[in-house]
């Protein structure tokens, strides 16, 4: 194998790595989809879950979580419907917890 083809392959690998590193890796495909899955309890955030995210990705996800939290707080189930109140409160807690994990991740990086 010639040095030229080896260098070309190495260059191609570097370009692919930079493209993959530059892409957002939201579970579900996008920040709104991932935020919705977090709110529903399908995804639990941790420092390891957020390892590959950039500060911009984390900011976008936090914005979507904040929007969903405002919507959840605006929803007012009937006072006598305990199950609906519990579901609303669980959703709000999941969103608040995820926002706290993201805030910690953002402050730990700087």
Protein backbone atom coordinates (compact mmCIF):
# COMPACT_ATOMS: atom_id res chain seq x y z
CA UNK A 1 0.00 0.00 0.00
CA UNK A 2 1.41 3.36 -0.93
CA UNK A 3 1.91 6.23 1.45
CA UNK A 4 -0.58 8.31 -0.55
CA UNK A 5 -3.50 5.88 -0.01
CA UNK A 6 -2.64 5.48 3.66
CA UNK A 7 -2.64 9.26 4.14
CA UNK A 8 -5.93 9.55 2.24
CA UNK A 9 -7.55 6.92 4.45
CA UNK A 10 -6.28 8.62 7.59
CA UNK A 11 -7.63 11.96 6.35
CA UNK A 12 -11.01 10.36 5.64
CA UNK A 13 -11.12 8.86 9.14
CA UNK A 14 -10.33 12.24 10.70
CA UNK A 15 -13.09 13.95 8.71
CA UNK A 16 -15.62 11.28 9.69
CA UNK A 17 -14.63 11.57 13.36
CA UNK A 18 -15.06 15.34 13.29
CA UNK A 19 -18.47 15.01 11.65
CA UNK A 20 -19.62 12.45 14.20
CA UNK A 21 -18.21 14.52 17.07
CA UNK A 22 -19.94 17.64 15.73
CA UNK A 23 -23.38 16.06 15.48
CA UNK A 24 -25.82 16.24 18.34
CA UNK A 25 -26.53 12.80 19.72
CA UNK A 26 -30.02 13.33 21.08
CA UNK A 27 -31.83 10.14 21.98
CA UNK A 28 -34.98 10.21 19.95
CA UNK A 29 -33.41 12.30 17.20
CA UNK A 30 -33.92 15.87 18.41
CA UNK A 31 -33.94 17.98 21.56
CA UNK A 32 -37.78 18.24 21.68
CA UNK A 33 -38.17 14.47 21.21
CA UNK A 34 -35.60 13.69 23.90
CA UNK A 35 -37.18 16.20 26.29
CA UNK A 36 -40.57 14.57 25.75
CA UNK A 37 -39.10 11.12 26.45
CA UNK A 38 -37.51 12.46 29.64
CA UNK A 39 -40.85 13.95 30.72
CA UNK A 40 -42.61 10.64 30.09
CA UNK A 41 -39.97 8.73 32.09
CA UNK A 42 -38.45 6.73 29.23
CA UNK A 43 -35.01 8.35 29.62
CA UNK A 44 -33.24 9.10 32.90
CA UNK A 45 -30.44 11.64 32.67
CA UNK A 46 -27.09 11.23 34.37
CA UNK A 47 -23.61 12.61 33.86
CA UNK A 48 -22.77 9.56 31.76
CA UNK A 49 -25.84 10.02 29.56
CA UNK A 50 -24.76 13.59 28.79
CA UNK A 51 -21.08 12.83 28.21
CA UNK A 52 -21.05 13.40 24.43
CA UNK A 53 -23.19 16.54 24.44
CA UNK A 54 -21.74 19.97 23.73
CA UNK A 55 -22.71 23.04 25.75
CA UNK A 56 -24.98 24.16 22.90
CA UNK A 57 -26.73 20.78 22.82
CA UNK A 58 -27.26 20.91 26.57
CA UNK A 59 -28.64 24.45 26.29
CA UNK A 60 -31.10 23.37 23.60
CA UNK A 61 -32.22 20.38 25.66
CA UNK A 62 -32.59 22.54 28.77
CA UNK A 63 -34.74 25.01 26.84
CA UNK A 64 -37.05 22.23 25.67
CA UNK A 65 -37.26 20.81 29.19
CA UNK A 66 -38.11 24.26 30.55
CA UNK A 67 -40.87 24.64 27.97
CA UNK A 68 -42.35 21.25 28.86
CA UNK A 69 -42.15 22.07 32.56
CA UNK A 70 -44.09 25.30 32.05
CA UNK A 71 -46.73 23.37 30.09
CA UNK A 72 -46.96 20.73 32.82
CA UNK A 73 -47.36 23.37 35.52
CA UNK A 74 -50.07 25.11 33.51
CA UNK A 75 -52.07 21.89 33.30
CA UNK A 76 -54.50 21.78 36.23
CA UNK A 77 -56.28 18.46 36.76
CA UNK A 78 -59.46 18.30 38.84
CA UNK A 79 -58.79 18.45 42.57
CA UNK A 80 -60.61 15.17 43.20
CA UNK A 81 -58.57 13.25 40.58
CA UNK A 82 -55.64 11.96 42.64
CA UNK A 83 -54.15 9.87 39.82
CA UNK A 84 -54.03 12.83 37.44
CA UNK A 85 -52.43 15.00 40.13
CA UNK A 86 -49.82 12.31 40.83
CA UNK A 87 -49.02 11.92 37.12
CA UNK A 88 -48.65 15.70 36.75
CA UNK A 89 -46.39 15.93 39.79
CA UNK A 90 -44.21 13.02 38.62
CA UNK A 91 -43.81 14.70 35.23
CA UNK A 92 -42.82 18.01 36.85
CA UNK A 93 -40.30 16.26 39.13
CA UNK A 94 -38.73 14.35 36.22
CA UNK A 95 -38.34 17.59 34.26
CA UNK A 96 -36.92 19.50 37.24
CA UNK A 97 -34.47 16.69 37.98
CA UNK A 98 -33.28 16.57 34.37
CA UNK A 99 -32.79 20.34 34.33
CA UNK A 100 -30.75 20.10 37.53
CA UNK A 101 -28.52 17.38 36.03
CA UNK A 102 -27.98 19.51 32.92
CA UNK A 103 -27.17 22.60 35.01
CA UNK A 104 -24.64 20.63 37.00
CA UNK A 105 -23.09 19.27 33.80
CA UNK A 106 -22.80 22.77 32.34
CA UNK A 107 -21.19 24.25 35.47
CA UNK A 108 -18.83 21.29 35.91
CA UNK A 109 -17.39 21.82 32.41
CA UNK A 110 -16.43 25.46 32.96
